[in-house]
Amino acid sequence: MTALPISWCRASIGEIAELADGPFGSNLKTAHYTETGPRVVRLQNIGDGTFRDESAHIARDHYERLIKHAVRVGDIVAASLGEEGPRACLIPAWLGPAIVKADCIRIRTLDGIDSVFLMWMLNSPPVREQAAAWIKGVGRPRLGLGGLKRLVVPVPPLTEQRRIAVAIEEQFSRLDAASASLYRAATQLEIMRDSVYTNGVTGSWPTARLGTLLREPLRNGHSAKTSKDGTGVRSLTLSAVTYRDFSEKNTKLTIAAPTRVRGLWLEPGDVLIERSNTPELVGTAALFRGPRDWSIFPDLLIRVRPSDELLPEFLEIVLKARPTRRYFQQAAQGIAGSMPKIDQRDVENLEVPVPPLGEQTKIVAVMDKQLSIVDAMSAQIDRALRRSAALRRLILEHAFTGKLVPQDPSDEPASVLLERIAARRATAEKADGGRRSRRATM
């Protein structure tokens, strides 16, 4: 365990705060939600240090019945459900009357504990490493009220807690501003990439239906169950085409029968089109460059093998151009509760420009050069965003170990603070006959 400054102590969350979970079961059902009224704080409201304004309401009379689950300004709310936790944020001043929902835990700090400091501690890597040991459940992993209470955090003197909270927020404010600029730049790059593809296929060439430019019929893939023993037939996942990344991380091993997938092995030059995805991504295409017989492809993809009249690299450019993207999005069909879909007929009916092969070769060369510049700039942005995330983790780790701000010898030691908190709790529990203690362990 990392050594702490001499004036610091360690304490469990249950020792320095009062915790309460939201109502379970029939106390808060879908039927209780209304268009207006007091708010319900749900999992989707809780970000890493940020309260997300996702609205849900209940009637005032039902809020009054659930008042013991109410939150107030300065309370911390932590997400109990999820593989990585606890994710935590503060209740903002503008929220108004609100309660927490099940799996959203209200944390109300006791006198002497700064709520901003504790909120950032809950989001820090050391606390999340601890929490991993207490998260239980398959499918719906949950830390739970008991697990959260057991988490141990460092407790500096109160004045140092406040200095740390201010320092974290100052540093994060600068990182937020830098990240916002990077995201804006990334958006502009995607606009640039779209223009490059679209401009590359703008010309006065003859066109033909894609269905007349194939060396073999279109083919849907095959989806099989994932293998659990590390053996089987390798298959792409949809993300391989979405991100144009045909690496092992975008594949899975399946228990597909070899005889059934004999004709589905990919070869260099195959173009793959997503036949089902979100409205923005349906029809997304990417060129597979190899190796041969490395993987099959799933049923959500359509394989295109163009004839000698059409370079696969040029076809990929056509499929990524704005007119083609719009064509597939308009052709996509969907029913309530399902993702939009295109079929082989939609692909076959796509009108494709067909320049002479020599001109296709020149276009591909020019496009490769332009797109390599965009890709390099995009990679720089990705690296900068990863550095920003790493700096956030480092700031919290330094805050956790007393390295973020200097210690002041005149500060009251945390040990005195914790003794005072314990004494006050004991007095309060004695005054109400132990009911407070029993409620805290429920």
Protein backbone atom coordinates (compact mmCIF):
# COMPACT_ATOMS: atom_id res chain seq x y z
CA MET A 1 0.00 0.00 0.00
CA THR A 2 1.33 3.42 -1.00
CA ALA A 3 2.71 5.50 1.87
CA LEU A 4 0.75 8.63 2.68
CA PRO A 5 1.91 12.02 4.00
CA ILE A 6 2.25 12.05 7.80
CA SER A 7 -0.86 14.19 8.32
CA TRP A 8 -3.10 11.88 6.25
CA CYS A 9 -5.12 8.79 7.29
CA ARG A 10 -7.16 6.14 5.56
CA ALA A 11 -10.86 5.52 6.10
CA SER A 12 -13.65 3.58 4.47
CA ILE A 13 -16.41 5.43 2.63
CA GLY A 14 -18.85 4.11 5.23
CA GLU A 15 -16.87 5.86 7.99
CA ILE A 16 -16.84 9.32 6.42
CA ALA A 17 -20.19 9.49 4.63
CA GLU A 18 -23.82 8.39 4.86
CA LEU A 19 -24.97 6.25 1.93
CA ALA A 20 -28.40 5.45 0.56
CA ASP A 21 -29.52 3.47 -2.50
CA GLY A 22 -32.50 4.27 -4.68
CA PRO A 23 -35.89 2.52 -4.46
CA PHE A 24 -36.16 -0.98 -5.91
CA GLY A 25 -39.02 -2.95 -7.39
CA SER A 26 -42.57 -1.66 -7.33
CA ASN A 27 -41.62 1.53 -5.47
CA LEU A 28 -40.47 3.07 -8.75
CA LYS A 29 -41.85 1.58 -11.96
CA THR A 30 -42.14 2.79 -15.54
CA ALA A 31 -45.75 3.73 -14.83
CA HIS A 32 -44.58 6.24 -12.21
CA TYR A 33 -42.68 8.39 -14.73
CA THR A 34 -44.26 11.65 -15.90
CA GLU A 35 -43.51 14.40 -18.41
CA THR A 36 -42.71 16.95 -15.70
CA GLY A 37 -42.09 17.05 -11.97
CA PRO A 38 -39.18 16.21 -9.66
CA ARG A 39 -36.25 14.52 -11.33
CA VAL A 40 -35.05 10.92 -11.08
CA VAL A 41 -31.27 10.51 -11.11
CA ARG A 42 -30.47 7.41 -13.20
CA LEU A 43 -27.28 5.64 -14.28
CA GLN A 44 -27.17 7.62 -17.53
CA ASN A 45 -26.93 10.86 -15.51
CA ILE A 46 -23.67 9.82 -13.85
CA GLY A 47 -20.44 10.57 -15.72
CA ASP A 48 -16.85 10.55 -14.52
CA GLY A 49 -17.07 13.76 -12.51
CA THR A 50 -19.83 15.16 -14.73
CA PHE A 51 -23.59 15.18 -14.23
CA ARG A 52 -25.27 14.47 -17.57
CA ASP A 53 -28.58 16.22 -18.14
CA GLU A 54 -30.76 13.25 -19.16
CA SER A 55 -34.29 13.99 -17.96
CA ALA A 56 -36.70 11.66 -16.17
CA HIS A 57 -39.51 12.85 -13.90
CA ILE A 58 -42.05 11.63 -11.36
CA ALA A 59 -45.12 13.27 -9.90
CA ARG A 60 -44.71 15.48 -6.83
CA ASP A 61 -46.86 13.22 -4.59
CA HIS A 62 -44.79 10.15 -5.50
CA TYR A 63 -41.60 12.12 -4.88
CA GLU A 64 -42.89 12.91 -1.39
CA ARG A 65 -43.43 9.19 -0.74
CA LEU A 66 -39.84 8.48 -1.77
CA ILE A 67 -38.33 11.48 0.03
CA LYS A 68 -35.81 9.33 1.93
CA HIS A 69 -34.11 8.74 -1.44
CA ALA A 70 -33.89 12.47 -2.22
CA VAL A 71 -30.65 14.19 -3.14
CA ARG A 72 -29.56 17.75 -2.50
CA VAL A 73 -26.92 20.07 -3.90
CA GLY A 74 -23.42 18.82 -3.09
CA ASP A 75 -24.41 15.17 -2.65
CA ILE A 76 -22.31 12.66 -4.54
CA VAL A 77 -24.09 10.06 -6.67
CA ALA A 78 -22.24 6.90 -7.67
CA ALA A 79 -23.16 4.27 -10.27
CA SER A 80 -23.29 0.88 -8.59
CA LEU A 81 -23.98 -1.11 -11.79
CA GLY A 82 -21.25 -1.83 -14.34
CA GLU A 83 -17.93 -3.61 -14.71
CA GLU A 84 -15.86 -0.50 -13.96
CA GLY A 85 -16.86 1.57 -10.97
CA PRO A 86 -17.64 3.48 -8.99
CA ARG A 87 -18.42 6.20 -11.54
CA ALA A 88 -19.35 9.30 -9.56
CA CYS A 89 -20.40 12.94 -9.89
CA LEU A 90 -21.94 15.75 -7.84
CA ILE A 91 -25.57 16.82 -7.80
CA PRO A 92 -25.60 20.25 -9.51
CA ALA A 93 -27.27 23.34 -8.06
CA TRP A 94 -29.71 23.66 -10.98
CA LEU A 95 -31.23 20.18 -10.65
CA GLY A 96 -34.02 20.96 -8.18
CA PRO A 97 -36.00 18.29 -6.29
CA ALA A 98 -34.79 14.81 -7.23
CA ILE A 99 -34.40 11.25 -5.99
CA VAL A 100 -31.91 8.54 -6.91
CA LYS A 101 -33.00 5.42 -8.78
CA ALA A 102 -31.95 1.86 -7.90
CA ASP A 103 -28.21 1.25 -8.46
CA CYS A 104 -27.54 4.98 -8.07
CA ILE A 105 -26.08 5.46 -4.61
CA ARG A 106 -26.34 8.77 -2.77
CA ILE A 107 -23.21 9.63 -0.79
CA ARG A 108 -23.58 12.47 1.71
CA THR A 109 -20.25 13.44 3.28
CA LEU A 110 -19.99 14.09 7.00
CA ASP A 111 -18.59 17.33 8.46
CA GLY A 112 -14.88 17.50 7.76
CA ILE A 113 -14.98 15.70 4.39
CA ASP A 114 -15.06 17.81 1.25
CA SER A 115 -17.58 16.35 -1.22
CA VAL A 116 -15.66 17.50 -4.32
CA PHE A 117 -12.48 15.85 -3.01
CA LEU A 118 -14.28 12.58 -2.23
CA MET A 119 -16.05 12.55 -5.60
CA TRP A 120 -12.72 12.71 -7.43
CA MET A 121 -11.28 10.03 -5.16
CA LEU A 122 -14.11 7.71 -6.16
CA ASN A 123 -13.22 8.26 -9.82
CA SER A 124 -9.51 7.62 -9.26
CA PRO A 125 -7.68 4.52 -10.58
CA PRO A 126 -6.65 3.23 -7.09
CA VAL A 127 -10.25 3.22 -5.84
CA ARG A 128 -11.48 1.51 -9.01
CA GLU A 129 -8.82 -1.15 -8.58
CA GLN A 130 -10.19 -1.78 -5.08
CA ALA A 131 -13.76 -1.82 -6.34
CA ALA A 132 -12.99 -4.58 -8.85
CA ALA A 133 -12.67 -7.03 -5.94
CA TRP A 134 -16.17 -6.20 -4.69
CA ILE A 135 -18.06 -6.13 -8.00
CA LYS A 136 -20.25 -9.23 -8.24
CA GLY A 137 -22.57 -10.73 -10.83
CA VAL A 138 -22.49 -11.96 -14.42
CA GLY A 139 -24.35 -9.99 -17.07
CA ARG A 140 -25.23 -7.19 -14.63
CA PRO A 141 -22.08 -6.70 -12.51
CA ARG A 142 -22.84 -4.63 -9.43
CA LEU A 143 -20.68 -3.04 -6.72
CA GLY A 144 -23.64 -2.52 -4.40
CA LEU A 145 -24.10 -0.39 -1.32
CA GLY A 146 -22.04 -2.74 0.85
CA GLY A 147 -19.14 -2.85 -1.58
CA LEU A 148 -19.06 0.93 -1.87
CA LYS A 149 -19.03 1.36 1.91
CA ARG A 150 -15.99 -0.92 2.19
CA LEU A 151 -13.85 1.07 -0.25
CA VAL A 152 -10.96 2.77 1.50
CA VAL A 153 -9.78 6.25 0.51
CA PRO A 154 -7.00 8.48 1.81
CA VAL A 155 -8.18 11.33 4.01
CA PRO A 156 -6.00 14.47 4.09
CA PRO A 157 -6.63 17.38 6.45
CA LEU A 158 -9.79 19.26 5.46
CA THR A 159 -7.98 22.35 4.18
CA GLU A 160 -5.74 20.15 2.04
CA GLN A 161 -8.79 18.28 0.70
CA ARG A 162 -10.08 21.61 -0.52
CA ARG A 163 -6.74 22.57 -2.07
CA ILE A 164 -6.61 19.22 -3.86
CA ALA A 165 -10.18 19.62 -5.16
CA VAL A 166 -9.36 23.08 -6.54
CA ALA A 167 -6.15 21.83 -8.16
CA ILE A 168 -7.89 18.87 -9.81
CA GLU A 169 -10.63 21.05 -11.25
CA GLU A 170 -8.15 23.64 -12.53
CA GLN A 171 -6.07 20.95 -14.25
CA PHE A 172 -9.13 19.18 -15.65
CA SER A 173 -10.56 22.45 -16.92
CA ARG A 174 -7.45 22.96 -19.05
CA LEU A 175 -7.57 19.35 -20.27
CA ASP A 176 -11.28 19.70 -21.11
CA ALA A 177 -10.59 22.79 -23.22
CA ALA A 178 -7.77 21.03 -25.05
CA SER A 179 -9.89 17.91 -25.63
CA ALA A 180 -12.79 19.99 -26.95
CA SER A 181 -10.43 21.54 -29.51
CA LEU A 182 -9.20 18.09 -30.51
CA TYR A 183 -12.74 16.79 -30.98
CA ARG A 184 -13.59 19.79 -33.15
CA ALA A 185 -10.49 19.12 -35.23
CA ALA A 186 -11.48 15.45 -35.55
CA THR A 187 -14.92 16.48 -36.82
CA GLN A 188 -13.34 18.75 -39.42
CA LEU A 189 -11.07 15.92 -40.53
CA GLU A 190 -14.05 13.63 -41.11
CA ILE A 191 -15.66 16.36 -43.22
CA MET A 192 -12.40 16.62 -45.15
CA ARG A 193 -12.24 12.83 -45.59
CA ASP A 194 -15.81 12.81 -46.91
CA SER A 195 -14.94 15.54 -49.43
CA VAL A 196 -11.85 13.65 -50.61
CA TYR A 197 -13.90 10.53 -51.36
CA THR A 198 -16.69 12.49 -53.05
CA ASN A 199 -14.37 14.61 -55.19
CA GLY A 200 -12.47 11.51 -56.25
CA VAL A 201 -15.46 10.07 -58.11
CA THR A 202 -16.85 13.29 -59.55
CA GLY A 203 -16.43 13.22 -63.32
CA SER A 204 -18.19 12.72 -66.66
CA TRP A 205 -17.69 8.97 -67.01
CA PRO A 206 -20.15 6.32 -68.14
CA THR A 207 -21.99 4.52 -65.35
CA ALA A 208 -23.30 0.99 -64.90
CA ARG A 209 -25.24 -0.97 -62.34
CA LEU A 210 -22.86 -2.60 -59.88
CA GLY A 211 -24.67 -5.89 -60.49
CA THR A 212 -23.29 -5.90 -64.07
CA LEU A 213 -19.72 -5.34 -62.87
CA LEU A 214 -19.23 -8.48 -60.75
CA ARG A 215 -17.05 -11.51 -61.43
CA GLU A 216 -19.27 -13.61 -59.18
CA PRO A 217 -22.63 -13.08 -57.42
CA LEU A 218 -22.89 -11.09 -54.22
CA ARG A 219 -22.68 -13.18 -51.08
CA ASN A 220 -23.98 -12.69 -47.54
CA GLY A 221 -21.79 -14.12 -44.80
CA HIS A 222 -22.56 -16.60 -42.05
CA SER A 223 -22.92 -15.89 -38.34
CA ALA A 224 -22.09 -18.67 -35.90
CA LYS A 225 -21.77 -18.93 -32.13
CA THR A 226 -18.52 -17.82 -30.55
CA SER A 227 -16.12 -20.64 -29.70
CA LYS A 228 -15.32 -20.92 -26.00
CA ASP A 229 -12.25 -23.16 -26.20
CA GLY A 230 -9.98 -20.91 -28.30
CA THR A 231 -10.39 -22.98 -31.47
CA GLY A 232 -12.68 -22.73 -34.47
CA VAL A 233 -13.25 -20.70 -37.61
CA ARG A 234 -12.08 -17.08 -37.54
CA SER A 235 -14.79 -14.59 -38.51
CA LEU A 236 -14.73 -10.82 -38.87
CA THR A 237 -16.88 -8.67 -36.61
CA LEU A 238 -18.86 -5.74 -37.99
CA SER A 239 -16.36 -3.33 -36.41
CA ALA A 240 -13.68 -4.48 -38.87
CA VAL A 241 -15.59 -2.73 -41.67
CA THR A 242 -16.89 0.16 -39.53
CA TYR A 243 -13.34 1.13 -38.53
CA ARG A 244 -11.59 -0.24 -41.63
CA ASP A 245 -9.40 -2.25 -39.29
CA PHE A 246 -8.91 -5.86 -40.37
CA SER A 247 -6.81 -6.85 -37.39
CA GLU A 248 -7.23 -9.77 -35.02
CA LYS A 249 -8.99 -7.58 -32.41
CA ASN A 250 -11.91 -7.23 -34.84
CA THR A 251 -12.37 -10.97 -35.31
CA LYS A 252 -13.69 -13.84 -33.23
CA LEU A 253 -13.38 -17.62 -33.33
CA THR A 254 -16.66 -19.37 -34.09
CA ILE A 255 -17.96 -22.95 -34.14
CA ALA A 256 -19.10 -22.65 -37.77
CA ALA A 257 -19.10 -25.93 -39.72
CA PRO A 258 -16.21 -25.85 -42.25
CA THR A 259 -18.42 -27.31 -45.00
CA ARG A 260 -20.97 -24.53 -44.55
CA VAL A 261 -18.45 -21.69 -44.83
CA ARG A 262 -16.30 -23.16 -47.61
CA GLY A 263 -17.17 -20.33 -50.00
CA LEU A 264 -16.88 -17.52 -47.44
CA TRP A 265 -13.12 -17.25 -47.00
CA LEU A 266 -11.93 -13.76 -47.85
CA GLU A 267 -9.30 -12.98 -50.43
CA PRO A 268 -7.44 -9.73 -51.20
CA GLY A 269 -9.61 -7.38 -53.23
CA ASP A 270 -12.91 -8.35 -51.62
CA VAL A 271 -15.09 -5.37 -50.79
CA LEU A 272 -17.42 -5.73 -47.80
CA ILE A 273 -20.61 -3.72 -47.23
CA GLU A 274 -22.56 -3.56 -43.96
CA ARG A 275 -26.12 -4.62 -44.77
CA SER A 276 -27.42 -3.76 -41.30
CA ASN A 277 -26.34 -1.15 -38.80
CA THR A 278 -27.44 2.19 -37.40
CA PRO A 279 -28.97 4.71 -39.85
CA GLU A 280 -25.60 6.50 -40.05
CA LEU A 281 -23.54 3.35 -40.64
CA VAL A 282 -25.73 1.08 -42.76
CA GLY A 283 -23.99 0.60 -46.11
CA THR A 284 -20.52 1.32 -44.73
CA ALA A 285 -17.91 -0.36 -46.93
CA ALA A 286 -14.24 -1.31 -46.71
CA LEU A 287 -11.70 -3.12 -48.87
CA PHE A 288 -10.09 -6.29 -47.53
CA ARG A 289 -6.43 -6.41 -48.58
CA GLY A 290 -5.48 -9.81 -47.18
CA PRO A 291 -4.19 -12.26 -46.23
CA ARG A 292 -6.02 -14.90 -48.24
CA ASP A 293 -8.11 -17.48 -46.35
CA TRP A 294 -7.46 -15.73 -43.02
CA SER A 295 -11.09 -15.18 -42.09
CA ILE A 296 -14.70 -15.62 -43.13
CA PHE A 297 -17.29 -12.85 -42.74
CA PRO A 298 -20.61 -12.64 -40.85
CA ASP A 299 -24.16 -12.48 -42.17
CA LEU A 300 -24.35 -8.73 -41.51
CA LEU A 301 -21.86 -8.16 -44.34
CA ILE A 302 -22.26 -8.49 -48.11
CA ARG A 303 -19.16 -9.48 -50.09
CA VAL A 304 -18.55 -7.80 -53.46
CA ARG A 305 -16.04 -9.21 -55.95
CA PRO A 306 -15.81 -6.73 -58.84
CA SER A 307 -15.00 -7.76 -62.40
CA ASP A 308 -11.84 -6.73 -64.26
CA GLU A 309 -13.58 -3.52 -65.40
CA LEU A 310 -13.50 -2.14 -61.87
CA LEU A 311 -10.51 -1.87 -59.56
CA PRO A 312 -11.46 -2.92 -56.00
CA GLU A 313 -9.60 0.13 -54.67
CA PHE A 314 -11.65 2.41 -56.93
CA LEU A 315 -14.90 0.67 -55.94
CA GLU A 316 -14.09 1.31 -52.28
CA ILE A 317 -13.77 5.03 -53.06
CA VAL A 318 -17.14 5.00 -54.85
CA LEU A 319 -18.81 3.22 -51.94
CA LYS A 320 -17.42 5.73 -49.43
CA ALA A 321 -18.43 8.80 -51.46
CA ARG A 322 -21.30 10.94 -50.23
CA PRO A 323 -23.80 10.07 -53.04
CA THR A 324 -23.40 6.34 -52.38
CA ARG A 325 -23.71 6.75 -48.61
CA ARG A 326 -26.91 8.74 -49.15
CA TYR A 327 -28.23 6.09 -51.59
CA PHE A 328 -27.78 3.26 -49.06
CA GLN A 329 -29.24 5.28 -46.20
CA GLN A 330 -32.33 6.07 -48.28
CA ALA A 331 -32.64 2.46 -49.45
CA ALA A 332 -32.34 1.05 -45.92
CA GLN A 333 -35.50 -0.44 -44.47
CA GLY A 334 -36.28 -1.12 -40.84
CA ILE A 335 -39.12 -2.03 -38.56
CA ALA A 336 -39.75 -0.81 -35.02
CA GLY A 337 -37.06 -2.05 -32.67
CA SER A 338 -34.64 -3.20 -35.38
CA MET A 339 -31.73 -1.64 -37.22
CA PRO A 340 -32.09 -0.43 -40.83
CA LYS A 341 -31.14 -2.97 -43.51
CA ILE A 342 -30.18 -3.05 -47.16
CA ASP A 343 -30.16 -6.18 -49.30
CA GLN A 344 -28.25 -7.54 -52.28
CA ARG A 345 -30.72 -5.97 -54.70
CA ASP A 346 -29.93 -2.51 -53.31
CA VAL A 347 -26.23 -3.16 -53.86
CA GLU A 348 -26.74 -4.53 -57.37
CA ASN A 349 -28.83 -1.50 -58.38
CA LEU A 350 -26.20 1.05 -57.31
CA GLU A 351 -25.08 3.13 -60.30
CA VAL A 352 -21.27 3.16 -60.37
CA PRO A 353 -19.03 5.46 -62.46
CA VAL A 354 -16.71 3.43 -64.69
CA PRO A 355 -13.65 5.42 -65.87
CA PRO A 356 -11.05 3.65 -68.03
CA LEU A 357 -8.80 1.39 -65.95
CA GLY A 358 -5.80 3.68 -66.40
CA GLU A 359 -7.76 6.62 -65.06
CA GLN A 360 -9.04 4.52 -62.15
CA THR A 361 -5.42 3.72 -61.29
CA LYS A 362 -4.48 7.43 -61.30
CA ILE A 363 -7.49 8.36 -59.15
CA VAL A 364 -6.61 5.66 -56.60
CA ALA A 365 -3.00 6.92 -56.41
CA VAL A 366 -4.07 10.53 -55.86
CA MET A 367 -6.67 9.48 -53.30
CA ASP A 368 -4.18 7.35 -51.39
CA LYS A 369 -1.86 10.34 -51.08
CA GLN A 370 -4.61 12.69 -49.91
CA LEU A 371 -6.13 10.19 -47.49
CA SER A 372 -2.72 9.32 -46.02
CA ILE A 373 -2.41 12.97 -44.96
CA VAL A 374 -5.88 12.88 -43.36
CA ASP A 375 -5.05 9.56 -41.67
CA ALA A 376 -1.80 10.94 -40.27
CA MET A 377 -3.57 13.99 -38.85
CA SER A 378 -6.30 11.78 -37.38
CA ALA A 379 -3.67 9.56 -35.75
CA GLN A 380 -2.07 12.63 -34.16
CA ILE A 381 -5.43 13.66 -32.70
CA ASP A 382 -6.01 10.14 -31.35
CA ARG A 383 -2.59 10.15 -29.69
CA ALA A 384 -3.27 13.56 -28.15
CA LEU A 385 -6.63 12.37 -26.77
CA ARG A 386 -4.98 9.28 -25.29
CA ARG A 387 -2.34 11.49 -23.66
CA SER A 388 -5.11 13.68 -22.24
CA ALA A 389 -6.83 10.61 -20.73
CA ALA A 390 -3.51 9.40 -19.30
CA LEU A 391 -2.88 12.83 -17.76
CA ARG A 392 -6.29 12.70 -16.08
CA ARG A 393 -5.43 9.36 -14.52
CA LEU A 394 -2.03 10.65 -13.42
CA ILE A 395 -3.55 13.76 -11.83
CA LEU A 396 -5.93 11.62 -9.78
CA GLU A 397 -3.16 9.21 -8.80
CA HIS A 398 -1.02 12.13 -7.60
CA ALA A 399 -4.00 13.56 -5.71
CA PHE A 400 -4.55 10.15 -4.09
CA THR A 401 -0.97 9.97 -2.79
CA GLY A 402 -0.40 13.57 -1.67
CA LYS A 403 1.74 14.61 -4.66
CA LEU A 404 -0.64 17.10 -6.28
CA VAL A 405 -0.40 19.98 -3.79
CA PRO A 406 2.10 20.69 -0.99
CA GLN A 407 1.28 19.82 2.63
CA ASP A 408 0.91 22.56 5.23
CA PRO A 409 2.28 21.62 8.71
CA SER A 410 -0.25 23.96 10.34
CA ASP A 411 -3.23 21.92 9.00
CA GLU A 412 -5.15 19.91 11.57
CA PRO A 413 -4.12 16.24 11.06
CA ALA A 414 -6.70 13.94 9.49
CA SER A 415 -6.50 11.63 12.52
CA VAL A 416 -8.08 14.35 14.69
CA LEU A 417 -10.73 14.94 12.03
CA LEU A 418 -11.64 11.24 11.88
CA GLU A 419 -11.82 10.98 15.68
CA ARG A 420 -14.25 13.90 15.72
CA ILE A 421 -16.41 12.30 13.00
CA ALA A 422 -16.49 8.99 14.89
CA ALA A 423 -17.45 10.73 18.14
CA ARG A 424 -20.27 12.65 16.49
CA ARG A 425 -21.64 9.49 14.87
CA ALA A 426 -21.52 7.62 18.18
CA THR A 427 -23.39 10.43 19.91
CA ALA A 428 -26.04 10.57 17.15
CA GLU A 429 -26.54 6.79 17.23
CA LYS A 430 -26.90 6.83 21.00
CA ALA A 431 -29.46 9.62 20.79
CA ASP A 432 -31.72 7.70 18.39
CA GLY A 433 -31.33 4.37 20.16
CA GLY A 434 -29.10 2.78 17.52
CA ARG A 435 -31.61 3.20 14.70
CA ARG A 436 -29.12 5.20 12.64
CA SER A 437 -26.55 2.37 12.91
CA ARG A 438 -29.10 -0.25 11.88
CA ARG A 439 -30.20 1.84 8.87
CA ALA A 440 -26.59 2.27 7.75
CA THR A 441 -26.12 -1.50 7.54
CA MET A 442 -29.36 -2.23 5.64
